[in-house]
Amino acid sequence: MSQNAPVSQQGPDAPHPGGVSEEEFRAAMARLAAGVVLVTAYDPEDGPRGEDVGMTATSFLSVSLDPPLVLVSVRADSRMDELLERQPLWAVSVLTEGQRHIAGRFSMRGRVSDRLLFQDMACTRGESSGAPLVDGALATVECRTEQRVSAGDHTLVIGRVLATTLPTGAENGPLAYFRGRYRRLA
């Protein structure tokens, strides 16, 4: 293999120019515990009645209090990335340890249509975003995109927080992701 070969043609254990290999990076990042959220948006252009779209994410964080901003990282060229490029309104539901099945459902590769994934899931439509909010989530956050930043194979979407809810009666702890598996806090 030529030393000038593009990184994408090298294996996952080959180091990136000026950095570590994908395998080394993935192993190190797997040791960082993260909360699990469901990112949702309504696509008014999909079919005659539109369609809800969802994606499980572990890269979601608070950016600023003034103004209230959050950030979510989405895979570049994914359905969610394409939708959030033209639809500025979206939402996040912070999942509980009892909602692991929802996280798994929306993280599958080659999954069925989003319409089927939402079909039997209890949701409420967000008043500010129009996006589905998971009933029983620890918290929900409705956003409007302020900025999009290309970052390698992902897009960082920074959103202004328009509304939040803290449902009462959510007695479960948060769903966490650590070392490649969903976990519960002890």
N, C-alpha and C. Protein backbone atom coordinates (compact mmCIF):
# COMPACT_ATOMS: atom_id res chain seq x y z
N MET A 1 0.85 -1.17 0.00
CA MET A 1 0.00 0.00 0.00
C MET A 1 0.89 1.24 0.00
N SER A 2 0.56 2.19 -0.81
CA SER A 2 1.32 3.43 -0.91
C SER A 2 1.19 4.23 0.38
N GLN A 3 2.26 4.91 0.78
CA GLN A 3 2.20 5.75 1.97
C GLN A 3 1.33 6.97 1.76
N ASN A 4 1.02 7.30 0.52
CA ASN A 4 0.16 8.44 0.23
C ASN A 4 -1.30 8.04 0.05
N ALA A 5 -1.64 6.80 0.37
CA ALA A 5 -3.01 6.32 0.21
C ALA A 5 -3.94 7.08 1.14
N PRO A 6 -5.15 7.40 0.68
CA PRO A 6 -6.12 8.07 1.55
C PRO A 6 -6.43 7.20 2.76
N VAL A 7 -6.71 7.83 3.88
CA VAL A 7 -7.01 7.12 5.12
C VAL A 7 -8.19 6.19 4.95
N SER A 8 -9.19 6.60 4.17
CA SER A 8 -10.39 5.79 4.02
C SER A 8 -10.10 4.44 3.38
N GLN A 9 -8.95 4.30 2.70
CA GLN A 9 -8.61 3.03 2.08
C GLN A 9 -7.75 2.17 3.00
N GLN A 10 -7.35 2.71 4.14
CA GLN A 10 -6.58 1.94 5.11
C GLN A 10 -7.55 1.27 6.07
N GLY A 11 -7.08 0.25 6.74
CA GLY A 11 -7.92 -0.46 7.70
C GLY A 11 -8.15 0.34 8.97
N PRO A 12 -9.10 -0.11 9.81
CA PRO A 12 -9.42 0.62 11.03
C PRO A 12 -8.28 0.63 12.05
N ASP A 13 -7.30 -0.30 11.91
CA ASP A 13 -6.18 -0.30 12.85
C ASP A 13 -4.99 0.51 12.35
N ALA A 14 -5.10 1.10 11.15
CA ALA A 14 -4.03 1.95 10.62
C ALA A 14 -4.20 3.36 11.19
N PRO A 15 -3.08 3.96 11.65
CA PRO A 15 -3.20 5.31 12.21
C PRO A 15 -3.57 6.35 11.15
N HIS A 16 -4.38 7.32 11.57
CA HIS A 16 -4.68 8.46 10.70
C HIS A 16 -3.43 9.35 10.68
N PRO A 17 -3.25 10.10 9.61
CA PRO A 17 -2.10 11.02 9.60
C PRO A 17 -2.17 11.97 10.81
N GLY A 18 -1.12 11.97 11.60
CA GLY A 18 -1.09 12.84 12.76
C GLY A 18 -2.00 12.41 13.89
N GLY A 19 -2.46 11.16 13.92
CA GLY A 19 -3.37 10.72 14.97
C GLY A 19 -3.34 9.22 15.17
N VAL A 20 -4.25 8.75 15.99
CA VAL A 20 -4.35 7.33 16.31
C VAL A 20 -5.25 6.61 15.31
N SER A 21 -5.27 5.31 15.37
CA SER A 21 -6.14 4.53 14.49
C SER A 21 -7.58 4.61 14.97
N GLU A 22 -8.52 4.27 14.08
CA GLU A 22 -9.94 4.25 14.46
C GLU A 22 -10.16 3.30 15.62
N GLU A 23 -9.49 2.14 15.59
CA GLU A 23 -9.66 1.15 16.65
C GLU A 23 -9.19 1.69 18.00
N GLU A 24 -8.03 2.35 18.03
CA GLU A 24 -7.52 2.93 19.27
C GLU A 24 -8.45 4.03 19.78
N PHE A 25 -8.90 4.88 18.87
CA PHE A 25 -9.79 5.97 19.25
C PHE A 25 -11.10 5.43 19.80
N ARG A 26 -11.68 4.45 19.10
CA ARG A 26 -12.95 3.85 19.54
C ARG A 26 -12.80 3.22 20.93
N ALA A 27 -11.69 2.52 21.17
CA ALA A 27 -11.46 1.86 22.47
C ALA A 27 -11.35 2.89 23.59
N ALA A 28 -10.65 3.99 23.33
CA ALA A 28 -10.51 5.02 24.35
C ALA A 28 -11.85 5.69 24.64
N MET A 29 -12.61 6.01 23.61
CA MET A 29 -13.89 6.70 23.79
C MET A 29 -14.94 5.80 24.42
N ALA A 30 -14.81 4.49 24.27
CA ALA A 30 -15.76 3.55 24.87
C ALA A 30 -15.69 3.60 26.40
N ARG A 31 -14.62 4.15 26.93
CA ARG A 31 -14.47 4.25 28.38
C ARG A 31 -15.07 5.52 28.95
N LEU A 32 -15.66 6.33 28.09
CA LEU A 32 -16.34 7.55 28.52
C LEU A 32 -17.83 7.24 28.59
N ALA A 33 -18.40 7.28 29.78
CA ALA A 33 -19.83 7.03 29.93
C ALA A 33 -20.60 8.22 29.36
N ALA A 34 -21.71 7.93 28.70
CA ALA A 34 -22.52 8.98 28.09
C ALA A 34 -23.99 8.69 28.33
N GLY A 35 -24.76 9.75 28.44
CA GLY A 35 -26.21 9.62 28.51
C GLY A 35 -26.74 9.28 27.13
N VAL A 36 -27.91 8.68 27.08
CA VAL A 36 -28.52 8.27 25.81
C VAL A 36 -29.79 9.08 25.59
N VAL A 37 -29.91 9.64 24.39
CA VAL A 37 -31.07 10.45 24.04
C VAL A 37 -31.65 9.97 22.72
N LEU A 38 -32.91 10.34 22.49
CA LEU A 38 -33.53 10.14 21.20
C LEU A 38 -33.73 11.52 20.59
N VAL A 39 -33.09 11.76 19.43
CA VAL A 39 -33.23 13.01 18.69
C VAL A 39 -34.36 12.79 17.69
N THR A 40 -35.31 13.72 17.64
CA THR A 40 -36.45 13.58 16.75
C THR A 40 -36.72 14.88 15.99
N ALA A 41 -37.32 14.74 14.84
CA ALA A 41 -37.75 15.90 14.05
C ALA A 41 -38.91 15.45 13.17
N TYR A 42 -39.71 16.41 12.77
CA TYR A 42 -40.82 16.14 11.87
C TYR A 42 -40.42 16.59 10.47
N ASP A 43 -40.57 15.70 9.49
CA ASP A 43 -40.24 16.01 8.10
C ASP A 43 -41.53 16.26 7.33
N PRO A 44 -41.89 17.53 7.13
CA PRO A 44 -43.15 17.82 6.44
C PRO A 44 -43.13 17.46 4.96
N GLU A 45 -41.95 17.24 4.40
CA GLU A 45 -41.83 16.96 2.96
C GLU A 45 -41.87 15.47 2.64
N ASP A 46 -41.94 14.60 3.65
CA ASP A 46 -41.93 13.16 3.40
C ASP A 46 -43.37 12.63 3.33
N GLY A 47 -43.86 12.46 2.14
CA GLY A 47 -45.21 11.94 1.94
C GLY A 47 -46.27 13.00 2.14
N PRO A 48 -47.52 12.61 1.91
CA PRO A 48 -48.62 13.58 1.98
C PRO A 48 -48.87 14.13 3.38
N ARG A 49 -48.55 13.36 4.41
CA ARG A 49 -48.77 13.81 5.80
C ARG A 49 -47.47 14.07 6.54
N GLY A 50 -46.34 13.97 5.85
CA GLY A 50 -45.05 14.13 6.52
C GLY A 50 -44.70 12.88 7.30
N GLU A 51 -43.53 12.88 7.91
CA GLU A 51 -43.11 11.72 8.69
C GLU A 51 -42.18 12.17 9.82
N ASP A 52 -42.30 11.50 10.96
CA ASP A 52 -41.40 11.71 12.07
C ASP A 52 -40.12 10.91 11.83
N VAL A 53 -38.99 11.48 12.23
CA VAL A 53 -37.69 10.84 12.07
C VAL A 53 -37.02 10.81 13.43
N GLY A 54 -36.33 9.72 13.74
CA GLY A 54 -35.66 9.60 15.04
C GLY A 54 -34.29 8.98 14.92
N MET A 55 -33.42 9.29 15.89
CA MET A 55 -32.06 8.79 15.90
C MET A 55 -31.57 8.74 17.35
N THR A 56 -31.00 7.61 17.75
CA THR A 56 -30.38 7.50 19.07
C THR A 56 -29.03 8.21 19.03
N ALA A 57 -28.72 8.94 20.11
CA ALA A 57 -27.43 9.64 20.17
C ALA A 57 -26.86 9.57 21.58
N THR A 58 -25.54 9.55 21.65
CA THR A 58 -24.85 9.66 22.94
C THR A 58 -23.98 10.91 22.97
N SER A 59 -23.89 11.61 21.85
CA SER A 59 -23.13 12.86 21.79
C SER A 59 -24.08 14.04 21.82
N PHE A 60 -24.58 14.33 23.01
CA PHE A 60 -25.51 15.43 23.23
C PHE A 60 -25.04 16.16 24.48
N LEU A 61 -24.93 17.48 24.42
CA LEU A 61 -24.43 18.21 25.58
C LEU A 61 -24.91 19.65 25.60
N SER A 62 -24.85 20.22 26.79
CA SER A 62 -25.14 21.62 27.00
C SER A 62 -23.95 22.44 26.52
N VAL A 63 -24.22 23.55 25.82
CA VAL A 63 -23.16 24.41 25.29
C VAL A 63 -23.11 25.74 26.02
N SER A 64 -24.27 26.34 26.28
CA SER A 64 -24.32 27.69 26.83
C SER A 64 -25.60 27.89 27.61
N LEU A 65 -25.50 28.70 28.69
CA LEU A 65 -26.70 29.09 29.44
C LEU A 65 -27.31 30.37 28.89
N ASP A 66 -26.47 31.27 28.36
CA ASP A 66 -26.95 32.55 27.87
C ASP A 66 -26.33 32.85 26.51
N PRO A 67 -27.01 32.54 25.42
CA PRO A 67 -28.36 31.97 25.35
C PRO A 67 -28.31 30.46 25.61
N PRO A 68 -29.47 29.86 25.91
CA PRO A 68 -29.50 28.41 26.16
C PRO A 68 -29.27 27.64 24.85
N LEU A 69 -28.11 26.97 24.76
CA LEU A 69 -27.74 26.21 23.57
C LEU A 69 -27.33 24.79 23.94
N VAL A 70 -27.66 23.86 23.05
CA VAL A 70 -27.22 22.47 23.17
C VAL A 70 -26.58 22.05 21.86
N LEU A 71 -25.89 20.93 21.89
CA LEU A 71 -25.23 20.40 20.69
C LEU A 71 -25.51 18.92 20.58
N VAL A 72 -25.77 18.46 19.37
CA VAL A 72 -25.88 17.03 19.09
C VAL A 72 -25.02 16.74 17.87
N SER A 73 -24.36 15.59 17.90
CA SER A 73 -23.53 15.17 16.78
C SER A 73 -24.29 14.10 15.99
N VAL A 74 -24.45 14.34 14.67
CA VAL A 74 -25.14 13.39 13.81
C VAL A 74 -24.20 12.95 12.68
N ARG A 75 -24.32 11.72 12.27
CA ARG A 75 -23.47 11.20 11.19
C ARG A 75 -23.75 11.98 9.91
N ALA A 76 -22.69 12.45 9.28
CA ALA A 76 -22.82 13.21 8.03
C ALA A 76 -23.51 12.33 6.99
N ASP A 77 -24.36 12.94 6.20
CA ASP A 77 -25.09 12.28 5.12
C ASP A 77 -26.11 11.25 5.60
N SER A 78 -26.41 11.24 6.90
CA SER A 78 -27.48 10.36 7.40
C SER A 78 -28.82 11.03 7.13
N ARG A 79 -29.88 10.28 7.32
CA ARG A 79 -31.21 10.86 7.12
C ARG A 79 -31.44 12.04 8.06
N MET A 80 -31.00 11.91 9.32
CA MET A 80 -31.19 12.99 10.28
C MET A 80 -30.37 14.21 9.88
N ASP A 81 -29.15 14.01 9.41
CA ASP A 81 -28.32 15.14 8.97
C ASP A 81 -28.99 15.87 7.82
N GLU A 82 -29.47 15.12 6.86
CA GLU A 82 -30.14 15.72 5.69
C GLU A 82 -31.39 16.49 6.13
N LEU A 83 -32.17 15.91 7.04
CA LEU A 83 -33.39 16.57 7.49
C LEU A 83 -33.06 17.84 8.27
N LEU A 84 -32.10 17.79 9.19
CA LEU A 84 -31.79 18.96 10.01
C LEU A 84 -31.10 20.06 9.21
N GLU A 85 -30.65 19.74 8.01
CA GLU A 85 -30.09 20.77 7.15
C GLU A 85 -31.19 21.69 6.60
N ARG A 86 -32.40 21.13 6.43
CA ARG A 86 -33.50 21.92 5.87
C ARG A 86 -34.63 22.16 6.86
N GLN A 87 -34.66 21.42 7.95
CA GLN A 87 -35.71 21.58 8.97
C GLN A 87 -35.03 22.07 10.26
N PRO A 88 -35.23 23.32 10.64
CA PRO A 88 -34.51 23.86 11.80
C PRO A 88 -35.06 23.43 13.16
N LEU A 89 -36.25 22.84 13.21
CA LEU A 89 -36.86 22.48 14.49
C LEU A 89 -36.67 21.00 14.78
N TRP A 90 -36.24 20.69 16.00
CA TRP A 90 -35.99 19.31 16.40
C TRP A 90 -36.09 19.22 17.93
N ALA A 91 -36.03 18.00 18.43
CA ALA A 91 -36.17 17.80 19.87
C ALA A 91 -35.29 16.64 20.34
N VAL A 92 -35.09 16.60 21.64
CA VAL A 92 -34.32 15.54 22.27
C VAL A 92 -35.11 15.05 23.48
N SER A 93 -35.22 13.73 23.61
CA SER A 93 -35.80 13.11 24.80
C SER A 93 -34.69 12.38 25.53
N VAL A 94 -34.44 12.73 26.80
CA VAL A 94 -33.41 12.07 27.61
C VAL A 94 -34.01 10.77 28.12
N LEU A 95 -33.47 9.64 27.67
CA LEU A 95 -34.07 8.34 27.95
C LEU A 95 -33.73 7.82 29.34
N THR A 96 -34.68 7.06 29.90
CA THR A 96 -34.49 6.42 31.19
C THR A 96 -33.94 5.01 30.99
N GLU A 97 -33.46 4.43 32.07
CA GLU A 97 -32.94 3.05 32.00
C GLU A 97 -34.04 2.08 31.56
N GLY A 98 -35.30 2.42 31.77
CA GLY A 98 -36.41 1.58 31.33
C GLY A 98 -36.77 1.77 29.86
N GLN A 99 -36.07 2.66 29.17
CA GLN A 99 -36.36 2.92 27.76
C GLN A 99 -35.25 2.43 26.84
N ARG A 100 -34.51 1.44 27.28
CA ARG A 100 -33.43 0.85 26.49
C ARG A 100 -33.93 0.35 25.14
N HIS A 101 -35.13 -0.20 25.12
CA HIS A 101 -35.69 -0.72 23.86
C HIS A 101 -35.87 0.39 22.83
N ILE A 102 -36.18 1.60 23.27
CA ILE A 102 -36.32 2.73 22.35
C ILE A 102 -34.96 3.09 21.76
N ALA A 103 -33.94 3.13 22.62
CA ALA A 103 -32.58 3.43 22.15
C ALA A 103 -32.15 2.41 21.11
N GLY A 104 -32.38 1.13 21.38
CA GLY A 104 -31.99 0.07 20.45
C GLY A 104 -32.76 0.14 19.14
N ARG A 105 -34.01 0.44 19.22
CA ARG A 105 -34.88 0.52 18.05
C ARG A 105 -34.39 1.58 17.06
N PHE A 106 -33.97 2.74 17.56
CA PHE A 106 -33.58 3.84 16.69
C PHE A 106 -32.09 3.88 16.39
N SER A 107 -31.35 2.86 16.82
CA SER A 107 -29.91 2.82 16.52
C SER A 107 -29.56 1.70 15.56
N MET A 108 -30.53 0.91 15.15
CA MET A 108 -30.27 -0.22 14.24
C MET A 108 -29.85 0.26 12.86
N ARG A 109 -28.86 -0.40 12.29
CA ARG A 109 -28.48 -0.15 10.89
C ARG A 109 -29.45 -0.92 10.00
N GLY A 110 -29.78 -0.35 8.86
CA GLY A 110 -30.67 -1.03 7.92
C GLY A 110 -32.05 -1.25 8.50
N ARG A 111 -32.48 -0.34 9.35
CA ARG A 111 -33.77 -0.50 10.03
C ARG A 111 -34.93 -0.22 9.09
N VAL A 112 -36.11 -0.56 9.58
CA VAL A 112 -37.33 -0.30 8.83
C VAL A 112 -37.62 1.19 8.84
N SER A 113 -38.68 1.60 8.20
CA SER A 113 -39.00 3.03 8.12
C SER A 113 -39.26 3.61 9.51
N ASP A 114 -38.97 4.89 9.64
CA ASP A 114 -39.21 5.57 10.92
C ASP A 114 -40.69 5.55 11.29
N ARG A 115 -41.57 5.59 10.29
CA ARG A 115 -43.01 5.56 10.57
C ARG A 115 -43.36 4.31 11.39
N LEU A 116 -42.80 3.17 11.04
CA LEU A 116 -43.06 1.94 11.78
C LEU A 116 -42.43 1.98 13.17
N LEU A 117 -41.27 2.61 13.30
CA LEU A 117 -40.60 2.68 14.60
C LEU A 117 -41.39 3.51 15.61
N PHE A 118 -42.05 4.54 15.13
CA PHE A 118 -42.85 5.41 16.01
C PHE A 118 -44.25 4.85 16.25
N GLN A 119 -44.68 3.90 15.43
CA GLN A 119 -46.07 3.45 15.41
C GLN A 119 -46.62 3.06 16.78
N ASP A 120 -45.91 2.29 17.56
CA ASP A 120 -46.45 1.83 18.84
C ASP A 120 -45.73 2.45 20.03
N MET A 121 -45.13 3.61 19.83
CA MET A 121 -44.39 4.28 20.88
C MET A 121 -45.19 5.46 21.41
N ALA A 122 -45.29 5.56 22.73
CA ALA A 122 -46.05 6.65 23.35
C ALA A 122 -45.25 7.96 23.26
N CYS A 123 -45.79 8.90 22.49
CA CYS A 123 -45.14 10.20 22.28
C CYS A 123 -46.17 11.31 22.37
N THR A 124 -45.66 12.49 22.63
CA THR A 124 -46.45 13.71 22.58
C THR A 124 -45.76 14.65 21.60
N ARG A 125 -46.51 15.34 20.79
CA ARG A 125 -45.92 16.27 19.82
C ARG A 125 -45.52 17.55 20.54
N GLY A 126 -44.27 17.97 20.37
CA GLY A 126 -43.77 19.18 21.01
C GLY A 126 -44.45 20.42 20.45
N GLU A 127 -44.87 21.30 21.32
CA GLU A 127 -45.55 22.52 20.89
C GLU A 127 -44.61 23.47 20.15
N SER A 128 -43.35 23.53 20.54
CA SER A 128 -42.39 24.46 19.93
C SER A 128 -41.72 23.90 18.69
N SER A 129 -41.50 22.58 18.67
CA SER A 129 -40.74 21.96 17.57
C SER A 129 -41.58 21.16 16.60
N GLY A 130 -42.74 20.70 17.04
CA GLY A 130 -43.55 19.80 16.23
C GLY A 130 -42.99 18.39 16.18
N ALA A 131 -41.89 18.15 16.88
CA ALA A 131 -41.23 16.83 16.90
C ALA A 131 -41.83 15.95 18.00
N PRO A 132 -41.77 14.63 17.81
CA PRO A 132 -42.26 13.74 18.85
C PRO A 132 -41.36 13.78 20.10
N LEU A 133 -41.99 13.81 21.27
CA LEU A 133 -41.30 13.76 22.56
C LEU A 133 -41.71 12.46 23.23
N VAL A 134 -40.73 11.68 23.68
CA VAL A 134 -41.00 10.36 24.26
C VAL A 134 -41.68 10.54 25.62
N ASP A 135 -42.87 9.95 25.75
CA ASP A 135 -43.57 9.97 27.04
C ASP A 135 -42.73 9.21 28.07
N GLY A 136 -42.62 9.77 29.28
CA GLY A 136 -41.89 9.11 30.36
C GLY A 136 -40.39 9.37 30.33
N ALA A 137 -39.90 10.18 29.40
CA ALA A 137 -38.47 10.51 29.36
C ALA A 137 -38.10 11.32 30.60
N LEU A 138 -36.83 11.31 30.97
CA LEU A 138 -36.38 12.09 32.13
C LEU A 138 -36.56 13.58 31.89
N ALA A 139 -36.33 14.01 30.67
CA ALA A 139 -36.50 15.41 30.28
C ALA A 139 -36.65 15.46 28.78
N THR A 140 -37.27 16.52 28.28
CA THR A 140 -37.31 16.77 26.85
C THR A 140 -36.84 18.19 26.60
N VAL A 141 -36.20 18.37 25.44
CA VAL A 141 -35.63 19.66 25.06
C VAL A 141 -36.02 19.91 23.61
N GLU A 142 -36.71 21.02 23.36
CA GLU A 142 -37.08 21.38 21.99
C GLU A 142 -36.17 22.50 21.52
N CYS A 143 -35.71 22.39 20.26
CA CYS A 143 -34.65 23.28 19.77
C CYS A 143 -34.93 23.81 18.37
N ARG A 144 -34.22 24.90 18.06
CA ARG A 144 -34.16 25.45 16.70
C ARG A 144 -32.67 25.58 16.36
N THR A 145 -32.27 25.05 15.22
CA THR A 145 -30.86 25.07 14.83
C THR A 145 -30.35 26.50 14.71
N GLU A 146 -29.21 26.75 15.35
CA GLU A 146 -28.52 28.03 15.26
C GLU A 146 -27.30 27.93 14.35
N GLN A 147 -26.65 26.75 14.37
CA GLN A 147 -25.41 26.59 13.62
C GLN A 147 -25.16 25.11 13.34
N ARG A 148 -24.55 24.85 12.19
CA ARG A 148 -24.12 23.50 11.81
C ARG A 148 -22.63 23.57 11.51
N VAL A 149 -21.88 22.62 12.08
CA VAL A 149 -20.43 22.60 11.89
C VAL A 149 -20.02 21.22 11.38
N SER A 150 -19.37 21.19 10.23
CA SER A 150 -18.85 19.93 9.70
C SER A 150 -17.64 19.52 10.52
N ALA A 151 -17.63 18.27 10.99
CA ALA A 151 -16.55 17.77 11.83
C ALA A 151 -16.25 16.32 11.45
N GLY A 152 -15.32 16.12 10.52
CA GLY A 152 -14.98 14.77 10.09
C GLY A 152 -16.18 14.09 9.47
N ASP A 153 -16.52 12.91 9.95
CA ASP A 153 -17.65 12.17 9.38
C ASP A 153 -18.97 12.49 10.09
N HIS A 154 -19.01 13.56 10.87
CA HIS A 154 -20.22 13.98 11.58
C HIS A 154 -20.49 15.46 11.34
N THR A 155 -21.71 15.85 11.66
CA THR A 155 -22.11 17.25 11.68
C THR A 155 -22.52 17.60 13.09
N LEU A 156 -21.96 18.67 13.63
CA LEU A 156 -22.35 19.15 14.95
C LEU A 156 -23.48 20.16 14.76
N VAL A 157 -24.62 19.85 15.34
CA VAL A 157 -25.80 20.72 15.21
C VAL A 157 -26.00 21.41 16.54
N ILE A 158 -25.87 22.73 16.52
CA ILE A 158 -26.05 23.54 17.73
C ILE A 158 -27.44 24.15 17.67
N GLY A 159 -28.22 23.91 18.73
CA GLY A 159 -29.59 24.39 18.74
C GLY A 159 -29.89 25.28 19.93
N ARG A 160 -30.72 26.31 19.67
CA ARG A 160 -31.22 27.16 20.75
C ARG A 160 -32.39 26.42 21.39
N VAL A 161 -32.38 26.35 22.71
CA VAL A 161 -33.44 25.66 23.43
C VAL A 161 -34.67 26.56 23.49
N LEU A 162 -35.76 26.05 22.93
CA LEU A 162 -37.03 26.79 22.88
C LEU A 162 -37.94 26.42 24.05
N ALA A 163 -37.86 25.16 24.48
CA ALA A 163 -38.73 24.68 25.56
C ALA A 163 -38.13 23.43 26.18
N THR A 164 -38.40 23.22 27.45
CA THR A 164 -38.01 21.98 28.13
C THR A 164 -39.20 21.49 28.94
N THR A 165 -39.22 20.19 29.19
CA THR A 165 -40.19 19.61 30.11
C THR A 165 -39.46 18.65 31.01
N LEU A 166 -39.92 18.59 32.24
CA LEU A 166 -39.41 17.65 33.23
C LEU A 166 -40.61 16.86 33.72
N PRO A 167 -40.94 15.77 33.03
CA PRO A 167 -42.14 15.00 33.40
C PRO A 167 -42.11 14.56 34.86
N THR A 168 -43.24 14.61 35.49
CA THR A 168 -43.36 14.15 36.87
C THR A 168 -43.51 12.64 36.86
N GLY A 169 -43.07 12.03 37.93
CA GLY A 169 -43.22 10.59 38.08
C GLY A 169 -42.16 9.77 37.38
N ALA A 170 -41.17 10.40 36.75
CA ALA A 170 -40.08 9.64 36.12
C ALA A 170 -39.14 9.18 37.23
N GLU A 171 -39.36 7.96 37.70
CA GLU A 171 -38.60 7.45 38.85
C GLU A 171 -37.37 6.67 38.44
N ASN A 172 -37.26 6.30 37.20
CA ASN A 172 -36.08 5.57 36.74
C ASN A 172 -34.89 6.51 36.62
N GLY A 173 -33.70 5.93 36.67
CA GLY A 173 -32.49 6.70 36.44
C GLY A 173 -32.25 6.83 34.95
N PRO A 174 -31.18 7.54 34.58
CA PRO A 174 -30.88 7.74 33.17
C PRO A 174 -30.32 6.49 32.53
N LEU A 175 -30.54 6.36 31.23
CA LEU A 175 -29.91 5.30 30.46
C LEU A 175 -28.52 5.78 30.09
N ALA A 176 -27.51 4.97 30.35
CA ALA A 176 -26.13 5.34 30.04
C ALA A 176 -25.55 4.35 29.03
N TYR A 177 -24.50 4.80 28.35
CA TYR A 177 -23.80 3.96 27.37
C TYR A 177 -22.33 3.94 27.78
N PHE A 178 -21.79 2.74 28.00
CA PHE A 178 -20.40 2.59 28.47
C PHE A 178 -19.84 1.28 27.95
N ARG A 179 -18.64 1.36 27.39
CA ARG A 179 -17.95 0.18 26.83
C ARG A 179 -18.83 -0.61 25.86
N GLY A 180 -19.51 0.14 24.98
CA GLY A 180 -20.26 -0.47 23.91
C GLY A 180 -21.59 -1.09 24.30
N ARG A 181 -22.08 -0.80 25.52
CA ARG A 181 -23.35 -1.37 25.97
C ARG A 181 -24.17 -0.34 26.72
N TYR A 182 -25.49 -0.52 26.69
CA TYR A 182 -26.37 0.31 27.50
C TYR A 182 -26.23 -0.16 28.96
N ARG A 183 -26.20 0.79 29.86
CA ARG A 183 -26.00 0.47 31.29
C ARG A 183 -26.98 1.28 32.14
N ARG A 184 -27.09 0.87 33.37
CA ARG A 184 -27.85 1.64 34.34
C ARG A 184 -26.88 2.09 35.42
N LEU A 185 -27.14 3.25 35.99
CA LEU A 185 -26.29 3.75 37.05
C LEU A 185 -26.60 2.99 38.32
N ALA A 186 -25.57 2.60 39.03
CA ALA A 186 -25.77 1.84 40.28
C ALA A 186 -25.97 2.76 41.45
